[in-house]
Amino acid sequence: MYKHLLVPLDGSRLAEAALPAAFGLARKLNAGVTLLHVIERRAPELIHGERHLAALEEARGYLGESARGGIEAGLPVDVRVEQERSAGVARSIVDFAVTGG
């Protein structure tokens, strides 16, 4: 069964809506969770009507705050910030999932 869940977050409330389900599923599966943000090259100023996370420390802080609910539930939660690779954000997420970073 699944032992680890990868949850990409872009900094928007829309993306954060996946967190309760991800943490709940991880709890049921006894799985760990990695929250991932990919810093996009030439990022638009807004994403889903909200300010885009474009700085490394800002993204780390955001993910740390986002991880709180899982950590408080006793889940092993890792946070990772990656730079976008040449093929775009979606490809960067897939590459991270395949290689673990």
N, C-alpha and C. Protein backbone atom coordinates (compact mmCIF):
# COMPACT_ATOMS: atom_id res chain seq x y z
N MET A 1 0.84 -1.18 0.00
CA MET A 1 0.00 0.00 0.00
C MET A 1 0.89 1.24 0.00
N TYR A 2 0.28 2.38 -0.11
CA TYR A 2 1.02 3.64 -0.15
C TYR A 2 1.64 3.94 1.21
N LYS A 3 2.90 4.33 1.18
CA LYS A 3 3.61 4.67 2.42
C LYS A 3 4.00 6.14 2.48
N HIS A 4 3.78 6.85 1.37
CA HIS A 4 4.16 8.26 1.35
C HIS A 4 3.29 9.01 0.35
N LEU A 5 2.83 10.20 0.73
CA LEU A 5 2.01 11.03 -0.15
C LEU A 5 2.77 12.31 -0.47
N LEU A 6 2.75 12.70 -1.74
CA LEU A 6 3.34 13.96 -2.18
C LEU A 6 2.21 14.93 -2.46
N VAL A 7 2.27 16.09 -1.82
CA VAL A 7 1.22 17.11 -1.97
C VAL A 7 1.87 18.39 -2.48
N PRO A 8 1.78 18.67 -3.78
CA PRO A 8 2.31 19.93 -4.30
C PRO A 8 1.37 21.08 -3.93
N LEU A 9 1.94 22.18 -3.47
CA LEU A 9 1.17 23.36 -3.10
C LEU A 9 1.73 24.57 -3.83
N ASP A 10 0.83 25.42 -4.33
CA ASP A 10 1.28 26.62 -5.05
C ASP A 10 1.12 27.89 -4.23
N GLY A 11 0.68 27.74 -2.99
CA GLY A 11 0.52 28.91 -2.13
C GLY A 11 -0.90 29.44 -2.09
N SER A 12 -1.79 28.85 -2.85
CA SER A 12 -3.17 29.34 -2.90
C SER A 12 -4.07 28.59 -1.92
N ARG A 13 -5.16 29.23 -1.54
CA ARG A 13 -6.16 28.57 -0.70
C ARG A 13 -6.79 27.40 -1.44
N LEU A 14 -6.87 27.50 -2.75
CA LEU A 14 -7.43 26.40 -3.55
C LEU A 14 -6.58 25.14 -3.37
N ALA A 15 -5.27 25.28 -3.46
CA ALA A 15 -4.38 24.13 -3.27
C ALA A 15 -4.44 23.61 -1.83
N GLU A 16 -4.50 24.53 -0.88
CA GLU A 16 -4.54 24.15 0.54
C GLU A 16 -5.78 23.33 0.89
N ALA A 17 -6.81 23.43 0.08
CA ALA A 17 -8.04 22.66 0.34
C ALA A 17 -7.77 21.16 0.30
N ALA A 18 -6.66 20.75 -0.32
CA ALA A 18 -6.31 19.32 -0.39
C ALA A 18 -5.69 18.81 0.91
N LEU A 19 -5.23 19.71 1.77
CA LEU A 19 -4.49 19.28 2.96
C LEU A 19 -5.29 18.41 3.93
N PRO A 20 -6.52 18.77 4.30
CA PRO A 20 -7.24 17.89 5.23
C PRO A 20 -7.42 16.48 4.67
N ALA A 21 -7.73 16.36 3.40
CA ALA A 21 -7.90 15.03 2.79
C ALA A 21 -6.57 14.29 2.76
N ALA A 22 -5.49 14.99 2.41
CA ALA A 22 -4.17 14.35 2.35
C ALA A 22 -3.74 13.87 3.74
N PHE A 23 -3.91 14.71 4.75
CA PHE A 23 -3.53 14.31 6.11
C PHE A 23 -4.41 13.18 6.62
N GLY A 24 -5.69 13.23 6.31
CA GLY A 24 -6.60 12.15 6.71
C GLY A 24 -6.24 10.83 6.06
N LEU A 25 -5.94 10.87 4.77
CA LEU A 25 -5.55 9.66 4.05
C LEU A 25 -4.23 9.12 4.59
N ALA A 26 -3.28 10.00 4.83
CA ALA A 26 -1.99 9.57 5.37
C ALA A 26 -2.17 8.89 6.72
N ARG A 27 -3.05 9.44 7.54
CA ARG A 27 -3.31 8.85 8.85
C ARG A 27 -3.88 7.44 8.69
N LYS A 28 -4.83 7.28 7.78
CA LYS A 28 -5.44 5.95 7.57
C LYS A 28 -4.44 4.95 7.01
N LEU A 29 -3.53 5.43 6.16
CA LEU A 29 -2.54 4.55 5.53
C LEU A 29 -1.27 4.39 6.35
N ASN A 30 -1.19 5.14 7.46
CA ASN A 30 0.05 5.16 8.24
C ASN A 30 1.22 5.57 7.34
N ALA A 31 1.01 6.63 6.59
CA ALA A 31 1.98 7.09 5.60
C ALA A 31 2.55 8.45 5.99
N GLY A 32 3.70 8.75 5.43
CA GLY A 32 4.30 10.07 5.59
C GLY A 32 3.78 10.99 4.50
N VAL A 33 4.05 12.27 4.67
CA VAL A 33 3.59 13.29 3.72
C VAL A 33 4.76 14.23 3.41
N THR A 34 4.92 14.56 2.14
CA THR A 34 5.85 15.61 1.73
C THR A 34 5.04 16.70 1.08
N LEU A 35 5.18 17.92 1.62
CA LEU A 35 4.57 19.10 1.00
C LEU A 35 5.65 19.72 0.12
N LEU A 36 5.31 19.97 -1.13
CA LEU A 36 6.27 20.47 -2.12
C LEU A 36 5.79 21.76 -2.74
N HIS A 37 6.69 22.72 -2.82
CA HIS A 37 6.42 23.94 -3.61
C HIS A 37 7.54 24.07 -4.63
N VAL A 38 7.17 24.30 -5.87
CA VAL A 38 8.15 24.51 -6.94
C VAL A 38 8.18 26.01 -7.23
N ILE A 39 9.36 26.59 -7.07
CA ILE A 39 9.53 28.00 -7.40
C ILE A 39 9.64 28.13 -8.91
N GLU A 40 8.68 28.82 -9.46
CA GLU A 40 8.53 28.93 -10.91
C GLU A 40 9.42 30.04 -11.47
N ARG A 41 10.06 29.73 -12.57
CA ARG A 41 10.81 30.77 -13.30
C ARG A 41 9.79 31.70 -13.95
N ARG A 42 10.08 32.95 -13.97
CA ARG A 42 9.19 33.94 -14.58
C ARG A 42 7.75 33.74 -14.09
N ALA A 43 7.62 33.62 -12.79
CA ALA A 43 6.30 33.38 -12.18
C ALA A 43 5.39 34.59 -12.36
N PRO A 44 4.11 34.34 -12.61
CA PRO A 44 3.17 35.46 -12.63
C PRO A 44 3.06 36.04 -11.23
N GLU A 45 2.65 37.27 -11.13
CA GLU A 45 2.54 37.92 -9.82
C GLU A 45 1.44 37.28 -8.97
N LEU A 46 0.37 36.82 -9.62
CA LEU A 46 -0.75 36.22 -8.90
C LEU A 46 -0.99 34.79 -9.38
N ILE A 47 -1.46 33.96 -8.47
CA ILE A 47 -1.88 32.59 -8.80
C ILE A 47 -3.24 32.39 -8.14
N HIS A 48 -4.24 32.05 -8.92
CA HIS A 48 -5.62 31.91 -8.41
C HIS A 48 -6.05 33.15 -7.64
N GLY A 49 -5.61 34.32 -8.12
CA GLY A 49 -5.99 35.58 -7.50
C GLY A 49 -5.22 35.94 -6.25
N GLU A 50 -4.21 35.15 -5.90
CA GLU A 50 -3.41 35.40 -4.71
C GLU A 50 -1.95 35.60 -5.10
N ARG A 51 -1.20 36.27 -4.24
CA ARG A 51 0.20 36.53 -4.51
C ARG A 51 0.97 35.22 -4.66
N HIS A 52 1.81 35.17 -5.68
CA HIS A 52 2.59 33.97 -5.99
C HIS A 52 3.82 33.88 -5.08
N LEU A 53 4.11 32.70 -4.58
CA LEU A 53 5.33 32.49 -3.78
C LEU A 53 6.51 32.36 -4.72
N ALA A 54 7.45 33.28 -4.63
CA ALA A 54 8.58 33.26 -5.55
C ALA A 54 9.93 33.24 -4.85
N ALA A 55 9.96 33.41 -3.53
CA ALA A 55 11.22 33.45 -2.78
C ALA A 55 11.36 32.18 -1.95
N LEU A 56 12.58 31.67 -1.87
CA LEU A 56 12.86 30.42 -1.18
C LEU A 56 12.40 30.44 0.29
N GLU A 57 12.81 31.43 1.04
CA GLU A 57 12.46 31.48 2.46
C GLU A 57 10.95 31.66 2.68
N GLU A 58 10.33 32.45 1.82
CA GLU A 58 8.88 32.63 1.91
C GLU A 58 8.16 31.30 1.68
N ALA A 59 8.62 30.54 0.68
CA ALA A 59 8.01 29.25 0.37
C ALA A 59 8.24 28.26 1.52
N ARG A 60 9.43 28.25 2.09
CA ARG A 60 9.70 27.35 3.23
C ARG A 60 8.80 27.68 4.42
N GLY A 61 8.65 28.97 4.70
CA GLY A 61 7.78 29.37 5.80
C GLY A 61 6.33 28.97 5.56
N TYR A 62 5.88 29.17 4.34
CA TYR A 62 4.52 28.79 3.97
C TYR A 62 4.30 27.29 4.15
N LEU A 63 5.25 26.49 3.66
CA LEU A 63 5.10 25.04 3.78
C LEU A 63 5.17 24.60 5.25
N GLY A 64 6.03 25.24 6.02
CA GLY A 64 6.10 24.91 7.45
C GLY A 64 4.77 25.16 8.15
N GLU A 65 4.16 26.27 7.83
CA GLU A 65 2.84 26.58 8.39
C GLU A 65 1.79 25.59 7.89
N SER A 66 1.86 25.23 6.61
CA SER A 66 0.91 24.28 6.03
C SER A 66 1.05 22.89 6.63
N ALA A 67 2.25 22.55 7.07
CA ALA A 67 2.52 21.22 7.64
C ALA A 67 1.97 21.07 9.05
N ARG A 68 1.69 22.18 9.70
CA ARG A 68 1.33 22.15 11.11
C ARG A 68 0.19 21.17 11.43
N GLY A 69 -0.86 21.17 10.63
CA GLY A 69 -2.00 20.28 10.90
C GLY A 69 -1.61 18.82 10.88
N GLY A 70 -0.76 18.43 9.96
CA GLY A 70 -0.30 17.04 9.90
C GLY A 70 0.62 16.69 11.05
N ILE A 71 1.52 17.60 11.38
CA ILE A 71 2.45 17.37 12.49
C ILE A 71 1.68 17.25 13.81
N GLU A 72 0.70 18.14 14.00
CA GLU A 72 -0.11 18.08 15.22
C GLU A 72 -0.91 16.77 15.32
N ALA A 73 -1.20 16.16 14.16
CA ALA A 73 -1.91 14.88 14.14
C ALA A 73 -0.94 13.70 14.29
N GLY A 74 0.35 14.01 14.46
CA GLY A 74 1.34 12.95 14.67
C GLY A 74 1.90 12.34 13.40
N LEU A 75 1.66 12.99 12.28
CA LEU A 75 2.17 12.47 11.01
C LEU A 75 3.59 12.95 10.75
N PRO A 76 4.39 12.10 10.10
CA PRO A 76 5.70 12.58 9.66
C PRO A 76 5.49 13.44 8.40
N VAL A 77 5.77 14.72 8.51
CA VAL A 77 5.57 15.65 7.39
C VAL A 77 6.90 16.31 7.06
N ASP A 78 7.29 16.20 5.80
CA ASP A 78 8.50 16.83 5.29
C ASP A 78 8.08 17.98 4.38
N VAL A 79 8.85 19.03 4.35
CA VAL A 79 8.58 20.14 3.43
C VAL A 79 9.78 20.32 2.52
N ARG A 80 9.50 20.53 1.24
CA ARG A 80 10.57 20.70 0.26
C ARG A 80 10.22 21.83 -0.69
N VAL A 81 11.21 22.63 -0.99
CA VAL A 81 11.08 23.69 -1.99
C VAL A 81 12.10 23.38 -3.08
N GLU A 82 11.62 23.33 -4.29
CA GLU A 82 12.48 23.03 -5.44
C GLU A 82 12.39 24.16 -6.45
N GLN A 83 13.43 24.32 -7.24
CA GLN A 83 13.41 25.26 -8.36
C GLN A 83 12.79 24.56 -9.56
N GLU A 84 12.02 25.30 -10.33
CA GLU A 84 11.44 24.76 -11.56
C GLU A 84 12.55 24.30 -12.48
N ARG A 85 12.35 23.14 -13.06
CA ARG A 85 13.31 22.64 -14.04
C ARG A 85 12.90 23.13 -15.41
N SER A 86 13.69 22.88 -16.39
CA SER A 86 13.48 23.48 -17.72
C SER A 86 12.16 23.12 -18.37
N ALA A 87 11.55 22.04 -18.00
CA ALA A 87 10.32 21.60 -18.65
C ALA A 87 9.05 22.12 -17.99
N GLY A 88 9.17 22.96 -16.96
CA GLY A 88 7.99 23.53 -16.33
C GLY A 88 7.69 22.95 -14.96
N VAL A 89 6.71 23.56 -14.31
CA VAL A 89 6.36 23.19 -12.94
C VAL A 89 5.82 21.76 -12.87
N ALA A 90 4.91 21.41 -13.76
CA ALA A 90 4.32 20.07 -13.71
C ALA A 90 5.39 19.00 -13.87
N ARG A 91 6.29 19.20 -14.80
CA ARG A 91 7.38 18.24 -15.01
C ARG A 91 8.30 18.19 -13.79
N SER A 92 8.51 19.33 -13.17
CA SER A 92 9.35 19.39 -11.96
C SER A 92 8.73 18.56 -10.84
N ILE A 93 7.41 18.62 -10.72
CA ILE A 93 6.72 17.82 -9.70
C ILE A 93 6.88 16.34 -9.99
N VAL A 94 6.69 15.95 -11.25
CA VAL A 94 6.85 14.55 -11.64
C VAL A 94 8.28 14.09 -11.38
N ASP A 95 9.25 14.89 -11.78
CA ASP A 95 10.66 14.53 -11.55
C ASP A 95 10.94 14.35 -10.05
N PHE A 96 10.42 15.23 -9.24
CA PHE A 96 10.59 15.12 -7.79
C PHE A 96 9.98 13.81 -7.29
N ALA A 97 8.79 13.50 -7.76
CA ALA A 97 8.10 12.27 -7.32
C ALA A 97 8.90 11.04 -7.70
N VAL A 98 9.50 11.06 -8.87
CA VAL A 98 10.26 9.89 -9.35
C VAL A 98 11.60 9.76 -8.63
N THR A 99 12.29 10.88 -8.46
CA THR A 99 13.65 10.83 -7.91
C THR A 99 13.72 11.13 -6.42
N GLY A 100 12.65 11.67 -5.86
CA GLY A 100 12.68 12.08 -4.46
C GLY A 100 13.42 13.38 -4.23
N GLY A 101 13.58 14.14 -5.29
CA GLY A 101 14.23 15.44 -5.15
C GLY A 101 15.42 15.52 -6.00
